[in-house]
N, C-alpha and C. Protein backbone atom coordinates (compact mmCIF):
# COMPACT_ATOMS: atom_id res chain seq x y z
N MET A 1 -20.15 -23.57 60.31
CA MET A 1 -20.42 -22.17 60.07
C MET A 1 -21.94 -21.98 59.97
N ALA A 2 -22.46 -20.98 60.64
CA ALA A 2 -23.90 -20.72 60.64
C ALA A 2 -24.32 -20.12 59.30
N ALA A 3 -25.52 -20.50 58.88
CA ALA A 3 -26.07 -19.95 57.64
C ALA A 3 -26.45 -18.49 57.84
N VAL A 4 -26.25 -17.71 56.80
CA VAL A 4 -26.59 -16.29 56.83
C VAL A 4 -27.97 -16.11 56.22
N THR A 5 -28.84 -15.38 56.92
CA THR A 5 -30.16 -15.08 56.40
C THR A 5 -30.25 -13.59 56.09
N ASN A 6 -30.50 -13.28 54.85
CA ASN A 6 -30.68 -11.89 54.45
C ASN A 6 -32.13 -11.49 54.68
N THR A 7 -32.35 -10.28 55.14
CA THR A 7 -33.70 -9.76 55.29
C THR A 7 -33.88 -8.62 54.31
N PHE A 8 -34.96 -8.66 53.55
CA PHE A 8 -35.29 -7.63 52.59
C PHE A 8 -36.42 -6.77 53.17
N THR A 9 -36.41 -5.50 52.86
CA THR A 9 -37.49 -4.62 53.31
C THR A 9 -38.03 -3.86 52.11
N ASP A 10 -39.33 -3.93 51.91
CA ASP A 10 -40.02 -3.18 50.85
C ASP A 10 -40.94 -2.16 51.52
N THR A 11 -41.26 -1.11 50.80
CA THR A 11 -42.18 -0.10 51.32
C THR A 11 -43.29 0.15 50.32
N ILE A 12 -44.46 0.51 50.86
CA ILE A 12 -45.62 0.84 50.02
C ILE A 12 -46.22 2.14 50.54
N SER A 13 -46.51 3.06 49.64
CA SER A 13 -47.25 4.26 49.96
C SER A 13 -48.22 4.51 48.83
N ILE A 14 -49.42 4.93 49.15
CA ILE A 14 -50.44 5.18 48.13
C ILE A 14 -50.77 6.67 48.15
N SER A 15 -50.81 7.27 46.97
CA SER A 15 -51.17 8.68 46.89
C SER A 15 -52.34 8.87 45.93
N TYR A 16 -53.10 9.90 46.21
CA TYR A 16 -54.29 10.22 45.43
C TYR A 16 -54.33 11.73 45.25
N THR A 17 -54.54 12.18 44.02
CA THR A 17 -54.64 13.61 43.76
C THR A 17 -55.91 13.88 42.98
N GLY A 18 -56.70 14.86 43.44
CA GLY A 18 -57.93 15.25 42.74
C GLY A 18 -58.35 16.65 43.15
N ASN A 19 -58.83 17.41 42.19
CA ASN A 19 -59.29 18.78 42.44
C ASN A 19 -58.25 19.63 43.17
N GLY A 20 -56.99 19.42 42.82
CA GLY A 20 -55.93 20.21 43.43
C GLY A 20 -55.53 19.79 44.83
N LYS A 21 -56.11 18.73 45.33
CA LYS A 21 -55.79 18.23 46.67
C LYS A 21 -55.08 16.90 46.56
N ALA A 22 -54.19 16.64 47.48
CA ALA A 22 -53.46 15.38 47.49
C ALA A 22 -53.61 14.70 48.85
N VAL A 23 -53.80 13.39 48.81
CA VAL A 23 -53.88 12.59 50.03
C VAL A 23 -52.90 11.43 49.86
N SER A 24 -52.13 11.14 50.89
CA SER A 24 -51.19 10.03 50.85
C SER A 24 -51.31 9.22 52.12
N THR A 25 -51.07 7.91 52.00
CA THR A 25 -51.00 7.07 53.18
C THR A 25 -49.59 7.14 53.75
N PRO A 26 -49.45 6.88 55.02
CA PRO A 26 -48.09 6.73 55.55
C PRO A 26 -47.39 5.57 54.85
N ILE A 27 -46.09 5.58 54.85
CA ILE A 27 -45.33 4.53 54.20
C ILE A 27 -45.37 3.28 55.07
N GLY A 28 -45.82 2.17 54.48
CA GLY A 28 -45.81 0.88 55.16
C GLY A 28 -44.50 0.17 54.86
N SER A 29 -43.95 -0.49 55.84
CA SER A 29 -42.68 -1.18 55.68
C SER A 29 -42.91 -2.68 55.91
N TYR A 30 -42.38 -3.50 55.02
CA TYR A 30 -42.63 -4.95 55.06
C TYR A 30 -41.29 -5.67 54.94
N SER A 31 -41.05 -6.65 55.79
CA SER A 31 -39.79 -7.38 55.78
C SER A 31 -40.03 -8.85 55.50
N GLY A 32 -39.11 -9.45 54.81
CA GLY A 32 -39.15 -10.87 54.52
C GLY A 32 -37.76 -11.37 54.20
N VAL A 33 -37.59 -12.66 54.15
CA VAL A 33 -36.27 -13.23 53.90
C VAL A 33 -36.12 -13.77 52.48
N LYS A 34 -37.19 -13.76 51.71
CA LYS A 34 -37.14 -14.24 50.32
C LYS A 34 -37.95 -13.30 49.44
N ASP A 35 -37.61 -13.29 48.17
CA ASP A 35 -38.40 -12.51 47.22
C ASP A 35 -38.44 -13.22 45.88
N ALA A 36 -39.46 -12.91 45.14
CA ALA A 36 -39.61 -13.40 43.78
C ALA A 36 -39.94 -12.21 42.92
N GLY A 37 -39.44 -12.19 41.72
CA GLY A 37 -39.73 -11.05 40.86
C GLY A 37 -39.62 -11.38 39.40
N VAL A 38 -40.31 -10.56 38.62
CA VAL A 38 -40.31 -10.68 37.18
C VAL A 38 -40.31 -9.28 36.60
N ALA A 39 -39.47 -9.05 35.62
CA ALA A 39 -39.52 -7.84 34.82
C ALA A 39 -39.36 -8.31 33.38
N THR A 40 -40.45 -8.28 32.62
CA THR A 40 -40.41 -8.84 31.27
C THR A 40 -41.32 -8.05 30.35
N VAL A 41 -41.20 -8.31 29.09
CA VAL A 41 -42.05 -7.69 28.07
C VAL A 41 -43.01 -8.76 27.56
N VAL A 42 -44.30 -8.40 27.52
CA VAL A 42 -45.32 -9.27 26.95
C VAL A 42 -45.67 -8.67 25.59
N PRO A 43 -45.23 -9.31 24.50
CA PRO A 43 -45.45 -8.72 23.19
C PRO A 43 -46.94 -8.54 22.86
N ALA A 44 -47.23 -7.51 22.08
CA ALA A 44 -48.60 -7.26 21.63
C ALA A 44 -49.15 -8.52 20.97
N GLY A 45 -50.39 -8.86 21.28
CA GLY A 45 -51.04 -10.02 20.69
C GLY A 45 -50.71 -11.34 21.35
N SER A 46 -49.86 -11.33 22.37
CA SER A 46 -49.49 -12.58 23.06
C SER A 46 -50.71 -13.20 23.74
N GLN A 47 -50.82 -14.51 23.63
CA GLN A 47 -51.88 -15.26 24.29
C GLN A 47 -51.25 -16.29 25.22
N ASN A 48 -51.51 -16.15 26.52
CA ASN A 48 -51.02 -17.11 27.52
C ASN A 48 -49.52 -17.35 27.46
N MET A 49 -48.75 -16.24 27.39
CA MET A 49 -47.30 -16.34 27.41
C MET A 49 -46.86 -16.78 28.81
N ALA A 50 -46.12 -17.88 28.90
CA ALA A 50 -45.66 -18.39 30.19
C ALA A 50 -44.63 -17.43 30.79
N VAL A 51 -44.82 -17.14 32.08
CA VAL A 51 -43.91 -16.29 32.83
C VAL A 51 -43.42 -17.11 34.01
N ALA A 52 -42.13 -17.39 34.05
CA ALA A 52 -41.56 -18.24 35.10
C ALA A 52 -41.44 -17.45 36.40
N VAL A 53 -42.18 -17.90 37.41
CA VAL A 53 -42.11 -17.32 38.76
C VAL A 53 -42.66 -18.35 39.73
N ASN A 54 -42.10 -18.39 40.94
CA ASN A 54 -42.49 -19.43 41.88
C ASN A 54 -42.39 -18.87 43.30
N PHE A 55 -43.49 -18.94 44.06
CA PHE A 55 -43.47 -18.51 45.45
C PHE A 55 -44.68 -19.07 46.19
N PRO A 56 -44.56 -19.23 47.52
CA PRO A 56 -45.69 -19.69 48.33
C PRO A 56 -46.57 -18.50 48.72
N PHE A 57 -47.86 -18.71 48.84
CA PHE A 57 -48.76 -17.61 49.17
C PHE A 57 -48.87 -17.37 50.68
N ALA A 58 -48.71 -18.37 51.50
CA ALA A 58 -49.03 -18.27 52.93
C ALA A 58 -48.15 -17.28 53.69
N THR A 59 -46.95 -17.03 53.22
CA THR A 59 -46.05 -16.14 53.96
C THR A 59 -45.73 -14.84 53.23
N ILE A 60 -46.58 -14.48 52.25
CA ILE A 60 -46.36 -13.21 51.53
C ILE A 60 -46.50 -12.04 52.49
N GLN A 61 -45.54 -11.14 52.43
CA GLN A 61 -45.55 -9.93 53.24
C GLN A 61 -46.01 -8.71 52.44
N SER A 62 -45.63 -8.68 51.16
CA SER A 62 -46.06 -7.60 50.27
C SER A 62 -45.90 -8.06 48.83
N CYS A 63 -46.68 -7.43 47.94
CA CYS A 63 -46.56 -7.77 46.53
C CYS A 63 -47.06 -6.62 45.67
N VAL A 64 -46.58 -6.61 44.45
CA VAL A 64 -47.05 -5.64 43.46
C VAL A 64 -46.99 -6.30 42.08
N ILE A 65 -48.02 -6.05 41.28
CA ILE A 65 -48.03 -6.42 39.87
C ILE A 65 -48.39 -5.15 39.13
N SER A 66 -47.55 -4.75 38.19
CA SER A 66 -47.85 -3.54 37.42
C SER A 66 -47.51 -3.78 35.96
N THR A 67 -48.15 -2.99 35.12
CA THR A 67 -47.93 -3.08 33.69
C THR A 67 -48.25 -1.74 33.06
N ASP A 68 -47.66 -1.47 31.91
CA ASP A 68 -47.94 -0.21 31.23
C ASP A 68 -48.98 -0.38 30.11
N GLN A 69 -49.54 -1.59 29.97
CA GLN A 69 -50.63 -1.87 29.04
C GLN A 69 -51.59 -2.83 29.75
N ASP A 70 -52.84 -2.88 29.32
CA ASP A 70 -53.80 -3.80 29.92
C ASP A 70 -53.37 -5.25 29.66
N LEU A 71 -53.40 -6.06 30.71
CA LEU A 71 -53.03 -7.47 30.61
C LEU A 71 -54.00 -8.34 31.39
N THR A 72 -54.11 -9.57 30.98
CA THR A 72 -54.78 -10.60 31.78
C THR A 72 -53.70 -11.58 32.22
N ILE A 73 -53.67 -11.84 33.53
CA ILE A 73 -52.69 -12.77 34.10
C ILE A 73 -53.44 -13.95 34.70
N LEU A 74 -53.12 -15.14 34.24
CA LEU A 74 -53.67 -16.38 34.79
C LEU A 74 -52.58 -17.03 35.65
N VAL A 75 -52.97 -17.54 36.80
CA VAL A 75 -51.99 -18.10 37.74
C VAL A 75 -52.09 -19.63 37.74
N ASN A 76 -50.96 -20.29 37.56
CA ASN A 76 -50.75 -21.73 37.66
C ASN A 76 -51.30 -22.56 36.50
N SER A 77 -52.21 -22.04 35.70
CA SER A 77 -52.75 -22.79 34.58
C SER A 77 -53.35 -21.82 33.58
N ASN A 78 -53.20 -22.11 32.30
CA ASN A 78 -53.84 -21.25 31.30
C ASN A 78 -55.24 -21.76 30.92
N THR A 79 -55.70 -22.84 31.56
CA THR A 79 -57.06 -23.34 31.31
C THR A 79 -57.93 -23.31 32.56
N THR A 80 -57.35 -23.63 33.72
CA THR A 80 -58.09 -23.60 34.99
C THR A 80 -57.24 -22.87 36.03
N PRO A 81 -57.11 -21.56 35.88
CA PRO A 81 -56.23 -20.82 36.79
C PRO A 81 -56.75 -20.79 38.23
N THR A 82 -55.82 -20.70 39.16
CA THR A 82 -56.20 -20.56 40.56
C THR A 82 -56.61 -19.12 40.86
N GLU A 83 -56.00 -18.16 40.19
CA GLU A 83 -56.39 -16.76 40.26
C GLU A 83 -56.30 -16.16 38.86
N THR A 84 -57.12 -15.15 38.60
CA THR A 84 -57.07 -14.39 37.36
C THR A 84 -57.03 -12.92 37.70
N PHE A 85 -56.09 -12.20 37.11
CA PHE A 85 -55.97 -10.76 37.30
C PHE A 85 -56.16 -10.07 35.96
N ASN A 86 -57.12 -9.18 35.87
CA ASN A 86 -57.28 -8.32 34.72
C ASN A 86 -56.70 -6.97 35.12
N ILE A 87 -55.46 -6.74 34.73
CA ILE A 87 -54.72 -5.58 35.22
C ILE A 87 -54.77 -4.47 34.17
N LYS A 88 -55.24 -3.31 34.60
CA LYS A 88 -55.26 -2.13 33.74
C LYS A 88 -53.93 -1.42 33.85
N LYS A 89 -53.54 -0.76 32.76
CA LYS A 89 -52.26 -0.05 32.77
C LYS A 89 -52.23 1.09 33.79
N THR A 90 -53.38 1.52 34.24
CA THR A 90 -53.44 2.62 35.21
C THR A 90 -53.67 2.15 36.64
N ALA A 91 -53.84 0.84 36.85
CA ALA A 91 -54.16 0.36 38.20
C ALA A 91 -53.61 -1.05 38.39
N GLY A 92 -52.45 -1.15 38.97
CA GLY A 92 -51.85 -2.44 39.24
C GLY A 92 -52.43 -3.06 40.50
N VAL A 93 -51.86 -4.17 40.90
CA VAL A 93 -52.24 -4.86 42.13
C VAL A 93 -51.15 -4.56 43.16
N VAL A 94 -51.55 -4.01 44.30
CA VAL A 94 -50.61 -3.68 45.37
C VAL A 94 -51.21 -4.22 46.66
N TRP A 95 -50.39 -4.92 47.47
CA TRP A 95 -50.90 -5.48 48.72
C TRP A 95 -49.79 -5.57 49.75
N GLY A 96 -50.13 -5.30 51.00
CA GLY A 96 -49.23 -5.48 52.13
C GLY A 96 -49.93 -6.27 53.22
N SER A 97 -49.18 -6.95 54.06
CA SER A 97 -49.75 -7.84 55.05
C SER A 97 -50.63 -7.15 56.08
N ASP A 98 -50.55 -5.82 56.18
CA ASP A 98 -51.42 -5.10 57.11
C ASP A 98 -52.65 -4.50 56.43
N TYR A 99 -52.88 -4.81 55.16
CA TYR A 99 -54.06 -4.32 54.44
C TYR A 99 -55.31 -5.02 54.96
N LEU A 100 -56.42 -4.34 54.89
CA LEU A 100 -57.69 -4.92 55.36
C LEU A 100 -58.18 -6.05 54.45
N ASN A 101 -57.92 -5.93 53.15
CA ASN A 101 -58.38 -6.97 52.23
C ASN A 101 -57.40 -8.15 52.23
N ALA A 102 -57.88 -9.27 51.79
CA ALA A 102 -57.08 -10.50 51.76
C ALA A 102 -55.99 -10.40 50.70
N CYS A 103 -54.94 -11.17 50.90
CA CYS A 103 -53.88 -11.26 49.90
C CYS A 103 -54.48 -11.68 48.56
N PRO A 104 -54.07 -11.08 47.46
CA PRO A 104 -54.64 -11.44 46.16
C PRO A 104 -54.28 -12.85 45.72
N PHE A 105 -53.23 -13.43 46.29
CA PHE A 105 -52.84 -14.80 45.98
C PHE A 105 -53.35 -15.71 47.09
N GLN A 106 -54.10 -16.74 46.73
CA GLN A 106 -54.63 -17.69 47.70
C GLN A 106 -54.13 -19.11 47.45
N HIS A 107 -53.13 -19.22 46.60
CA HIS A 107 -52.52 -20.51 46.28
C HIS A 107 -51.04 -20.30 46.04
N ASN A 108 -50.24 -21.33 46.23
CA ASN A 108 -48.83 -21.26 45.85
C ASN A 108 -48.75 -21.01 44.35
N VAL A 109 -47.79 -20.22 43.93
CA VAL A 109 -47.65 -19.87 42.51
C VAL A 109 -46.49 -20.64 41.92
N THR A 110 -46.74 -21.31 40.80
CA THR A 110 -45.71 -22.06 40.11
C THR A 110 -45.38 -21.47 38.75
N THR A 111 -46.29 -20.75 38.16
CA THR A 111 -46.07 -20.03 36.90
C THR A 111 -47.24 -19.11 36.67
N MET A 112 -47.07 -18.16 35.77
CA MET A 112 -48.15 -17.27 35.37
C MET A 112 -48.22 -17.25 33.86
N TYR A 113 -49.40 -16.89 33.34
CA TYR A 113 -49.61 -16.80 31.91
C TYR A 113 -50.18 -15.44 31.59
N ALA A 114 -49.50 -14.70 30.72
CA ALA A 114 -49.89 -13.33 30.42
C ALA A 114 -50.47 -13.22 29.01
N THR A 115 -51.62 -12.53 28.92
CA THR A 115 -52.26 -12.26 27.63
C THR A 115 -52.30 -10.75 27.42
N ASN A 116 -51.82 -10.33 26.27
CA ASN A 116 -51.84 -8.93 25.87
C ASN A 116 -52.63 -8.82 24.58
N ASN A 117 -53.89 -8.43 24.70
CA ASN A 117 -54.75 -8.30 23.52
C ASN A 117 -54.56 -6.98 22.78
N GLY A 118 -53.66 -6.14 23.28
CA GLY A 118 -53.44 -4.83 22.68
C GLY A 118 -52.50 -4.88 21.49
N THR A 119 -52.22 -3.69 20.96
CA THR A 119 -51.33 -3.57 19.80
C THR A 119 -49.96 -3.00 20.18
N THR A 120 -49.73 -2.85 21.49
CA THR A 120 -48.47 -2.32 21.99
C THR A 120 -47.88 -3.32 22.99
N ASP A 121 -46.59 -3.56 22.88
CA ASP A 121 -45.92 -4.44 23.85
C ASP A 121 -46.13 -3.90 25.27
N ALA A 122 -46.25 -4.80 26.24
CA ALA A 122 -46.48 -4.42 27.64
C ALA A 122 -45.27 -4.77 28.48
N LYS A 123 -44.90 -3.85 29.36
CA LYS A 123 -43.86 -4.12 30.36
C LYS A 123 -44.56 -4.62 31.60
N LEU A 124 -44.29 -5.86 31.98
CA LEU A 124 -44.87 -6.49 33.16
C LEU A 124 -43.84 -6.55 34.28
N ASN A 125 -44.21 -6.08 35.45
CA ASN A 125 -43.36 -6.13 36.63
C ASN A 125 -44.12 -6.79 37.77
N LEU A 126 -43.45 -7.71 38.44
CA LEU A 126 -44.00 -8.40 39.60
C LEU A 126 -42.92 -8.47 40.66
N ARG A 127 -43.29 -8.16 41.89
CA ARG A 127 -42.38 -8.38 43.02
C ARG A 127 -43.20 -8.91 44.18
N VAL A 128 -42.71 -9.98 44.79
CA VAL A 128 -43.36 -10.58 45.95
C VAL A 128 -42.28 -10.77 47.02
N LEU A 129 -42.58 -10.26 48.21
CA LEU A 129 -41.69 -10.42 49.34
C LEU A 129 -42.36 -11.40 50.30
N TYR A 130 -41.63 -12.43 50.76
CA TYR A 130 -42.23 -13.45 51.62
C TYR A 130 -41.20 -14.03 52.57
N ASN A 131 -41.69 -14.83 53.51
CA ASN A 131 -40.80 -15.53 54.44
C ASN A 131 -40.75 -17.00 54.11
C-alpha cells in the first residue's frame, strides 16, 4: 500500500492602517507536507523556559512567531543560541518563502528557550510549515 502524503497550505497577508488609509498585501499561499507548532503560556518572570519544538530550516515554506507580551526567544541553546528573537507583543515574526528577506531561521531547530521579563503571563504561538 502506498504511503499517503498530506499537504498543508498556510496563507499570509499583511495589512497597515494609518491616517484613515489602509494598505494590504495580496494573500500569499504556502504549501508543505510537514508542520511544527507551539501554543503555550510563558509565565511572568520565566527565564529560559524550554519549549519543545523541532524542525529543519532548509525547507521552511512559511513561519510565524507571535506573543501577546514581550519575549526573548533563544534557539537551540540558552547560553549560545543559534538565533535570538526579541519579540514585541505588537510585532511578531512572519516569513514566507517568497519574501525578499532571508528566512529568520538559519539552523535546524531542536528546542527554544523563552524569557518573559514582564509581570504578565505571555501567550506564545509558533507555526512553521516545511517540506
